[in-house]
Amino acid sequence: MDKITAAKHDDVVRLFPGIQDHTVVEILGTKATVGELEAASLLLGNQDEGLEDARREATGQLSRVLAILASAEIMPRDDRDR
């Protein structure tokens, strides 16, 4: 899968199972790439204090995706499922 390709519905659902369709549409509206969605998944799923700065300093599409996911209280797929 090409990480610079614009994300599609299936990409969002794969990374964030159980996500509501209206939230998927909102995320797709950011025109985030697959790589940005994967980064958001890693940042949300890892509570390491060292990544807290990365979450706060995210910009562009990544920042918007993180905000959408946080407001919808969406968590990434469990690493064991990957």
PDB file of N, CA and C in Angstrom:
ATOM      1  N   MET A   1       0.845  -1.178   0.000  1.00  0.00           N
ATOM      2  CA  MET A   1       0.000   0.000   0.000  1.00  0.00           C
ATOM      3  C   MET A   1       0.889   1.240   0.000  1.00  0.00           C
ATOM      4  N   ASP A   2       0.629   2.180  -0.867  1.00  0.00           N
ATOM      5  CA  ASP A   2       1.391   3.401  -1.006  1.00  0.00           C
ATOM      6  C   ASP A   2       0.971   4.400   0.074  1.00  0.00           C
ATOM      7  N   LYS A   3       1.908   4.809   0.910  1.00  0.00           N
ATOM      8  CA  LYS A   3       1.598   5.678   2.046  1.00  0.00           C
ATOM      9  C   LYS A   3       1.317   7.128   1.644  1.00  0.00           C
ATOM     10  N   ILE A   4       1.639   7.495   0.401  1.00  0.00           N
ATOM     11  CA  ILE A   4       1.364   8.863  -0.030  1.00  0.00           C
ATOM     12  C   ILE A   4       0.064   8.971  -0.827  1.00  0.00           C
ATOM     13  N   THR A   5      -0.608   7.861  -0.982  1.00  0.00           N
ATOM     14  CA  THR A   5      -1.896   7.839  -1.670  1.00  0.00           C
ATOM     15  C   THR A   5      -2.975   8.370  -0.742  1.00  0.00           C
ATOM     16  N   ALA A   6      -3.894   9.119  -1.298  1.00  0.00           N
ATOM     17  CA  ALA A   6      -5.013   9.616  -0.491  1.00  0.00           C
ATOM     18  C   ALA A   6      -5.768   8.436   0.109  1.00  0.00           C
ATOM     19  N   ALA A   7      -6.118   8.557   1.365  1.00  0.00           N
ATOM     20  CA  ALA A   7      -6.828   7.481   2.070  1.00  0.00           C
ATOM     21  C   ALA A   7      -8.214   7.280   1.474  1.00  0.00           C
ATOM     22  N   LYS A   8      -8.664   6.057   1.540  1.00  0.00           N
ATOM     23  CA  LYS A   8     -10.007   5.690   1.082  1.00  0.00           C
ATOM     24  C   LYS A   8     -10.795   5.156   2.274  1.00  0.00           C
ATOM     25  N   HIS A   9     -12.092   4.984   2.072  1.00  0.00           N
ATOM     26  CA  HIS A   9     -12.989   4.503   3.126  1.00  0.00           C
ATOM     27  C   HIS A   9     -12.438   3.248   3.795  1.00  0.00           C
ATOM     28  N   ASP A  10     -12.012   2.286   2.994  1.00  0.00           N
ATOM     29  CA  ASP A  10     -11.505   1.013   3.538  1.00  0.00           C
ATOM     30  C   ASP A  10     -10.265   1.210   4.410  1.00  0.00           C
ATOM     31  N   ASP A  11      -9.423   2.181   4.058  1.00  0.00           N
ATOM     32  CA  ASP A  11      -8.228   2.450   4.858  1.00  0.00           C
ATOM     33  C   ASP A  11      -8.611   2.946   6.253  1.00  0.00           C
ATOM     34  N   VAL A  12      -9.570   3.852   6.307  1.00  0.00           N
ATOM     35  CA  VAL A  12     -10.005   4.411   7.589  1.00  0.00           C
ATOM     36  C   VAL A  12     -10.617   3.321   8.458  1.00  0.00           C
ATOM     37  N   VAL A  13     -11.481   2.508   7.870  1.00  0.00           N
ATOM     38  CA  VAL A  13     -12.165   1.447   8.623  1.00  0.00           C
ATOM     39  C   VAL A  13     -11.166   0.389   9.091  1.00  0.00           C
ATOM     40  N   ARG A  14     -10.170   0.096   8.273  1.00  0.00           N
ATOM     41  CA  ARG A  14      -9.145  -0.887   8.645  1.00  0.00           C
ATOM     42  C   ARG A  14      -8.364  -0.411   9.879  1.00  0.00           C
ATOM     43  N   LEU A  15      -8.027   0.864   9.907  1.00  0.00           N
ATOM     44  CA  LEU A  15      -7.235   1.395  11.018  1.00  0.00           C
ATOM     45  C   LEU A  15      -8.061   1.721  12.255  1.00  0.00           C
ATOM     46  N   PHE A  16      -9.343   2.026  12.049  1.00  0.00           N
ATOM     47  CA  PHE A  16     -10.212   2.427  13.155  1.00  0.00           C
ATOM     48  C   PHE A  16     -11.539   1.660  13.076  1.00  0.00           C
ATOM     49  N   PRO A  17     -11.518   0.372  13.431  1.00  0.00           N
ATOM     50  CA  PRO A  17     -12.725  -0.452  13.332  1.00  0.00           C
ATOM     51  C   PRO A  17     -13.864   0.122  14.169  1.00  0.00           C
ATOM     52  N   GLY A  18     -15.061   0.004  13.647  1.00  0.00           N
ATOM     53  CA  GLY A  18     -16.234   0.474  14.367  1.00  0.00           C
ATOM     54  C   GLY A  18     -16.500   1.956  14.199  1.00  0.00           C
ATOM     55  N   ILE A  19     -15.675   2.640  13.428  1.00  0.00           N
ATOM     56  CA  ILE A  19     -15.847   4.075  13.219  1.00  0.00           C
ATOM     57  C   ILE A  19     -17.147   4.326  12.461  1.00  0.00           C
ATOM     58  N   GLN A  20     -17.857   5.365  12.837  1.00  0.00           N
ATOM     59  CA  GLN A  20     -19.120   5.713  12.194  1.00  0.00           C
ATOM     60  C   GLN A  20     -18.863   6.284  10.793  1.00  0.00           C
ATOM     61  N   ASP A  21     -19.788   6.020   9.875  1.00  0.00           N
ATOM     62  CA  ASP A  21     -19.624   6.491   8.492  1.00  0.00           C
ATOM     63  C   ASP A  21     -19.473   8.004   8.404  1.00  0.00           C
ATOM     64  N   HIS A  22     -20.209   8.759   9.216  1.00  0.00           N
ATOM     65  CA  HIS A  22     -20.100  10.220   9.129  1.00  0.00           C
ATOM     66  C   HIS A  22     -18.712  10.693   9.560  1.00  0.00           C
ATOM     67  N   THR A  23     -18.075   9.952  10.473  1.00  0.00           N
ATOM     68  CA  THR A  23     -16.719  10.296  10.888  1.00  0.00           C
ATOM     69  C   THR A  23     -15.726   9.931   9.796  1.00  0.00           C
ATOM     70  N   VAL A  24     -15.956   8.817   9.116  1.00  0.00           N
ATOM     71  CA  VAL A  24     -15.112   8.435   7.978  1.00  0.00           C
ATOM     72  C   VAL A  24     -15.174   9.523   6.911  1.00  0.00           C
ATOM     73  N   VAL A  25     -16.363   9.989   6.605  1.00  0.00           N
ATOM     74  CA  VAL A  25     -16.534  11.039   5.589  1.00  0.00           C
ATOM     75  C   VAL A  25     -15.785  12.306   6.009  1.00  0.00           C
ATOM     76  N   GLU A  26     -15.878  12.652   7.284  1.00  0.00           N
ATOM     77  CA  GLU A  26     -15.188  13.844   7.784  1.00  0.00           C
ATOM     78  C   GLU A  26     -13.670  13.686   7.635  1.00  0.00           C
ATOM     79  N   ILE A  27     -13.152  12.507   7.963  1.00  0.00           N
ATOM     80  CA  ILE A  27     -11.714  12.256   7.823  1.00  0.00           C
ATOM     81  C   ILE A  27     -11.303  12.290   6.354  1.00  0.00           C
ATOM     82  N   LEU A  28     -12.086  11.668   5.491  1.00  0.00           N
ATOM     83  CA  LEU A  28     -11.764  11.681   4.066  1.00  0.00           C
ATOM     84  C   LEU A  28     -11.772  13.106   3.517  1.00  0.00           C
ATOM     85  N   GLY A  29     -12.588  13.962   4.095  1.00  0.00           N
ATOM     86  CA  GLY A  29     -12.636  15.363   3.680  1.00  0.00           C
ATOM     87  C   GLY A  29     -11.347  16.124   3.952  1.00  0.00           C
ATOM     88  N   THR A  30     -10.506  15.603   4.833  1.00  0.00           N
ATOM     89  CA  THR A  30      -9.222  16.253   5.119  1.00  0.00           C
ATOM     90  C   THR A  30      -8.199  15.976   4.026  1.00  0.00           C
ATOM     91  N   LYS A  31      -8.503  14.983   3.180  1.00  0.00           N
ATOM     92  CA  LYS A  31      -7.594  14.536   2.123  1.00  0.00           C
ATOM     93  C   LYS A  31      -6.287  13.984   2.694  1.00  0.00           C
ATOM     94  N   ALA A  32      -6.378  13.393   3.883  1.00  0.00           N
ATOM     95  CA  ALA A  32      -5.212  12.779   4.516  1.00  0.00           C
ATOM     96  C   ALA A  32      -4.746  11.575   3.709  1.00  0.00           C
ATOM     97  N   THR A  33      -3.454  11.322   3.766  1.00  0.00           N
ATOM     98  CA  THR A  33      -2.889  10.163   3.090  1.00  0.00           C
ATOM     99  C   THR A  33      -2.981   8.940   3.995  1.00  0.00           C
ATOM    100  N   VAL A  34      -2.725   7.784   3.416  1.00  0.00           N
ATOM    101  CA  VAL A  34      -2.687   6.547   4.193  1.00  0.00           C
ATOM    102  C   VAL A  34      -1.616   6.663   5.276  1.00  0.00           C
ATOM    103  N   GLY A  35      -0.474   7.230   4.937  1.00  0.00           N
ATOM    104  CA  GLY A  35       0.604   7.409   5.905  1.00  0.00           C
ATOM    105  C   GLY A  35       0.193   8.293   7.073  1.00  0.00           C
ATOM    106  N   GLU A  36      -0.560   9.352   6.787  1.00  0.00           N
ATOM    107  CA  GLU A  36      -1.035  10.232   7.858  1.00  0.00           C
ATOM    108  C   GLU A  36      -2.034   9.521   8.765  1.00  0.00           C
ATOM    109  N   LEU A  37      -2.890   8.684   8.173  1.00  0.00           N
ATOM    110  CA  LEU A  37      -3.820   7.903   9.003  1.00  0.00           C
ATOM    111  C   LEU A  37      -3.065   6.905   9.873  1.00  0.00           C
ATOM    112  N   GLU A  38      -2.038   6.287   9.307  1.00  0.00           N
ATOM    113  CA  GLU A  38      -1.242   5.349  10.095  1.00  0.00           C
ATOM    114  C   GLU A  38      -0.516   6.072  11.226  1.00  0.00           C
ATOM    115  N   ALA A  39      -0.018   7.272  10.958  1.00  0.00           N
ATOM    116  CA  ALA A  39       0.636   8.065  11.998  1.00  0.00           C
ATOM    117  C   ALA A  39      -0.359   8.422  13.097  1.00  0.00           C
ATOM    118  N   ALA A  40      -1.567   8.811  12.709  1.00  0.00           N
ATOM    119  CA  ALA A  40      -2.604   9.138  13.699  1.00  0.00           C
ATOM    120  C   ALA A  40      -2.922   7.914  14.547  1.00  0.00           C
ATOM    121  N   SER A  41      -2.995   6.759  13.921  1.00  0.00           N
ATOM    122  CA  SER A  41      -3.269   5.525  14.640  1.00  0.00           C
ATOM    123  C   SER A  41      -2.176   5.238  15.664  1.00  0.00           C
ATOM    124  N   LEU A  42      -0.930   5.401  15.262  1.00  0.00           N
ATOM    125  CA  LEU A  42       0.190   5.168  16.177  1.00  0.00           C
ATOM    126  C   LEU A  42       0.199   6.172  17.324  1.00  0.00           C
ATOM    127  N   LEU A  43      -0.050   7.437  17.004  1.00  0.00           N
ATOM    128  CA  LEU A  43      -0.041   8.470  18.044  1.00  0.00           C
ATOM    129  C   LEU A  43      -1.168   8.275  19.048  1.00  0.00           C
ATOM    130  N   LEU A  44      -2.332   7.884  18.561  1.00  0.00           N
ATOM    131  CA  LEU A  44      -3.462   7.670  19.466  1.00  0.00           C
ATOM    132  C   LEU A  44      -3.299   6.398  20.279  1.00  0.00           C
ATOM    133  N   GLY A  45      -2.717   5.380  19.677  1.00  0.00           N
ATOM    134  CA  GLY A  45      -2.623   4.089  20.330  1.00  0.00           C
ATOM    135  C   GLY A  45      -1.468   3.953  21.296  1.00  0.00           C
ATOM    136  N   ASN A  46      -0.522   4.865  21.235  1.00  0.00           N
ATOM    137  CA  ASN A  46       0.656   4.779  22.082  1.00  0.00           C
ATOM    138  C   ASN A  46       0.603   5.911  23.098  1.00  0.00           C
ATOM    139  N   GLN A  47       0.480   5.555  24.352  1.00  0.00           N
ATOM    140  CA  GLN A  47       0.380   6.558  25.418  1.00  0.00           C
ATOM    141  C   GLN A  47       1.741   6.954  25.975  1.00  0.00           C
ATOM    142  N   ASP A  48       2.808   6.613  25.276  1.00  0.00           N
ATOM    143  CA  ASP A  48       4.161   6.960  25.696  1.00  0.00           C
ATOM    144  C   ASP A  48       4.278   8.477  25.844  1.00  0.00           C
ATOM    145  N   GLU A  49       4.852   8.913  26.957  1.00  0.00           N
ATOM    146  CA  GLU A  49       4.988  10.350  27.205  1.00  0.00           C
ATOM    147  C   GLU A  49       5.830  11.031  26.140  1.00  0.00           C
ATOM    148  N   GLY A  50       6.777  10.314  25.553  1.00  0.00           N
ATOM    149  CA  GLY A  50       7.621  10.887  24.519  1.00  0.00           C
ATOM    150  C   GLY A  50       6.852  11.273  23.267  1.00  0.00           C
ATOM    151  N   LEU A  51       5.711  10.635  23.044  1.00  0.00           N
ATOM    152  CA  LEU A  51       4.905  10.957  21.862  1.00  0.00           C
ATOM    153  C   LEU A  51       3.895  12.066  22.129  1.00  0.00           C
ATOM    154  N   GLU A  52       3.754  12.457  23.374  1.00  0.00           N
ATOM    155  CA  GLU A  52       2.804  13.525  23.711  1.00  0.00           C
ATOM    156  C   GLU A  52       3.141  14.803  22.945  1.00  0.00           C
ATOM    157  N   ASP A  53       4.431  15.143  22.852  1.00  0.00           N
ATOM    158  CA  ASP A  53       4.841  16.325  22.093  1.00  0.00           C
ATOM    159  C   ASP A  53       4.466  16.188  20.621  1.00  0.00           C
ATOM    160  N   ALA A  54       4.652  15.000  20.068  1.00  0.00           N
ATOM    161  CA  ALA A  54       4.306  14.773  18.664  1.00  0.00           C
ATOM    162  C   ALA A  54       2.812  14.971  18.442  1.00  0.00           C
ATOM    163  N   ARG A  55       1.984  14.507  19.379  1.00  0.00           N
ATOM    164  CA  ARG A  55       0.535  14.702  19.253  1.00  0.00           C
ATOM    165  C   ARG A  55       0.197  16.192  19.299  1.00  0.00           C
ATOM    166  N   ARG A  56       0.822  16.920  20.217  1.00  0.00           N
ATOM    167  CA  ARG A  56       0.537  18.353  20.361  1.00  0.00           C
ATOM    168  C   ARG A  56       1.042  19.166  19.177  1.00  0.00           C
ATOM    169  N   GLU A  57       2.147  18.739  18.583  1.00  0.00           N
ATOM    170  CA  GLU A  57       2.774  19.513  17.517  1.00  0.00           C
ATOM    171  C   GLU A  57       2.347  19.095  16.114  1.00  0.00           C
ATOM    172  N   ALA A  58       1.445  18.143  16.009  1.00  0.00           N
ATOM    173  CA  ALA A  58       0.976  17.704  14.692  1.00  0.00           C
ATOM    174  C   ALA A  58       0.344  18.879  13.952  1.00  0.00           C
ATOM    175  N   THR A  59       0.564  18.919  12.656  1.00  0.00           N
ATOM    176  CA  THR A  59       0.026  20.004  11.843  1.00  0.00           C
ATOM    177  C   THR A  59      -0.693  19.423  10.624  1.00  0.00           C
ATOM    178  N   GLY A  60      -1.332  20.294   9.873  1.00  0.00           N
ATOM    179  CA  GLY A  60      -1.958  19.904   8.614  1.00  0.00           C
ATOM    180  C   GLY A  60      -3.027  18.844   8.768  1.00  0.00           C
ATOM    181  N   GLN A  61      -3.051  17.930   7.797  1.00  0.00           N
ATOM    182  CA  GLN A  61      -4.066  16.883   7.792  1.00  0.00           C
ATOM    183  C   GLN A  61      -3.970  16.001   9.033  1.00  0.00           C
ATOM    184  N   LEU A  62      -2.749  15.703   9.474  1.00  0.00           N
ATOM    185  CA  LEU A  62      -2.583  14.857  10.660  1.00  0.00           C
ATOM    186  C   LEU A  62      -3.246  15.500  11.869  1.00  0.00           C
ATOM    187  N   SER A  63      -3.059  16.766  12.037  1.00  0.00           N
ATOM    188  CA  SER A  63      -3.683  17.490  13.151  1.00  0.00           C
ATOM    189  C   SER A  63      -5.200  17.438  13.055  1.00  0.00           C
ATOM    190  N   ARG A  64      -5.725  17.636  11.863  1.00  0.00           N
ATOM    191  CA  ARG A  64      -7.175  17.610  11.686  1.00  0.00           C
ATOM    192  C   ARG A  64      -7.736  16.216  11.926  1.00  0.00           C
ATOM    193  N   VAL A  65      -7.030  15.182  11.444  1.00  0.00           N
ATOM    194  CA  VAL A  65      -7.480  13.804  11.666  1.00  0.00           C
ATOM    195  C   VAL A  65      -7.471  13.485  13.157  1.00  0.00           C
ATOM    196  N   LEU A  66      -6.414  13.865  13.863  1.00  0.00           N
ATOM    197  CA  LEU A  66      -6.345  13.623  15.308  1.00  0.00           C
ATOM    198  C   LEU A  66      -7.495  14.318  16.036  1.00  0.00           C
ATOM    199  N   ALA A  67      -7.817  15.538  15.631  1.00  0.00           N
ATOM    200  CA  ALA A  67      -8.915  16.274  16.264  1.00  0.00           C
ATOM    201  C   ALA A  67     -10.259  15.587  16.018  1.00  0.00           C
ATOM    202  N   ILE A  68     -10.473  15.133  14.796  1.00  0.00           N
ATOM    203  CA  ILE A  68     -11.726  14.435  14.456  1.00  0.00           C
ATOM    204  C   ILE A  68     -11.847  13.155  15.275  1.00  0.00           C
ATOM    205  N   LEU A  69     -10.770  12.379  15.320  1.00  0.00           N
ATOM    206  CA  LEU A  69     -10.791  11.117  16.061  1.00  0.00           C
ATOM    207  C   LEU A  69     -11.005  11.355  17.557  1.00  0.00           C
ATOM    208  N   ALA A  70     -10.361  12.379  18.083  1.00  0.00           N
ATOM    209  CA  ALA A  70     -10.512  12.683  19.510  1.00  0.00           C
ATOM    210  C   ALA A  70     -11.937  13.106  19.825  1.00  0.00           C
ATOM    211  N   SER A  71     -12.523  13.937  18.970  1.00  0.00           N
ATOM    212  CA  SER A  71     -13.891  14.403  19.245  1.00  0.00           C
ATOM    213  C   SER A  71     -14.907  13.269  19.127  1.00  0.00           C
ATOM    214  N   ALA A  72     -14.591  12.276  18.292  1.00  0.00           N
ATOM    215  CA  ALA A  72     -15.486  11.122  18.133  1.00  0.00           C
ATOM    216  C   ALA A  72     -15.127   9.995  19.105  1.00  0.00           C
ATOM    217  N   GLU A  73     -14.081  10.222  19.911  1.00  0.00           N
ATOM    218  CA  GLU A  73     -13.613   9.229  20.889  1.00  0.00           C
ATOM    219  C   GLU A  73     -13.278   7.892  20.223  1.00  0.00           C
ATOM    220  N   ILE A  74     -12.583   7.981  19.091  1.00  0.00           N
ATOM    221  CA  ILE A  74     -12.185   6.806  18.328  1.00  0.00           C
ATOM    222  C   ILE A  74     -10.766   6.412  18.719  1.00  0.00           C
ATOM    223  N   MET A  75     -10.571   5.127  18.910  1.00  0.00           N
ATOM    224  CA  MET A  75      -9.240   4.593  19.189  1.00  0.00           C
ATOM    225  C   MET A  75      -8.841   3.678  18.037  1.00  0.00           C
ATOM    226  N   PRO A  76      -7.530   3.547  17.805  1.00  0.00           N
ATOM    227  CA  PRO A  76      -7.080   2.683  16.714  1.00  0.00           C
ATOM    228  C   PRO A  76      -7.299   1.215  17.023  1.00  0.00           C
ATOM    229  N   ARG A  77      -7.176   0.434  15.998  1.00  0.00           N
ATOM    230  CA  ARG A  77      -7.265  -1.019  16.120  1.00  0.00           C
ATOM    231  C   ARG A  77      -6.155  -1.486  17.041  1.00  0.00           C
ATOM    232  N   ASP A  78      -6.430  -2.500  17.840  1.00  0.00           N
ATOM    233  CA  ASP A  78      -5.445  -3.088  18.735  1.00  0.00           C
ATOM    234  C   ASP A  78      -4.304  -3.654  17.919  1.00  0.00           C
ATOM    235  N   ASP A  79      -3.053  -3.421  18.360  1.00  0.00           N
ATOM    236  CA  ASP A  79      -1.878  -3.918  17.641  1.00  0.00           C
ATOM    237  C   ASP A  79      -1.911  -5.415  17.399  1.00  0.00           C
ATOM    238  N   ARG A  80      -2.550  -6.161  18.272  1.00  0.00           N
ATOM    239  CA  ARG A  80      -2.610  -7.600  18.095  1.00  0.00           C
ATOM    240  C   ARG A  80      -3.419  -7.989  16.862  1.00  0.00           C
ATOM    241  N   ASP A  81      -4.281  -7.072  16.378  1.00  0.00           N
ATOM    242  CA  ASP A  81      -5.120  -7.364  15.220  1.00  0.00           C
ATOM    243  C   ASP A  81      -4.429  -7.039  13.904  1.00  0.00           C
ATOM    244  N   ARG A  82      -3.281  -6.399  13.927  1.00  0.00           N
ATOM    245  CA  ARG A  82      -2.638  -5.925  12.695  1.00  0.00           C
ATOM    246  C   ARG A  82      -1.987  -7.012  11.927  1.00  0.00           C
TER     247      ARG A  82
END
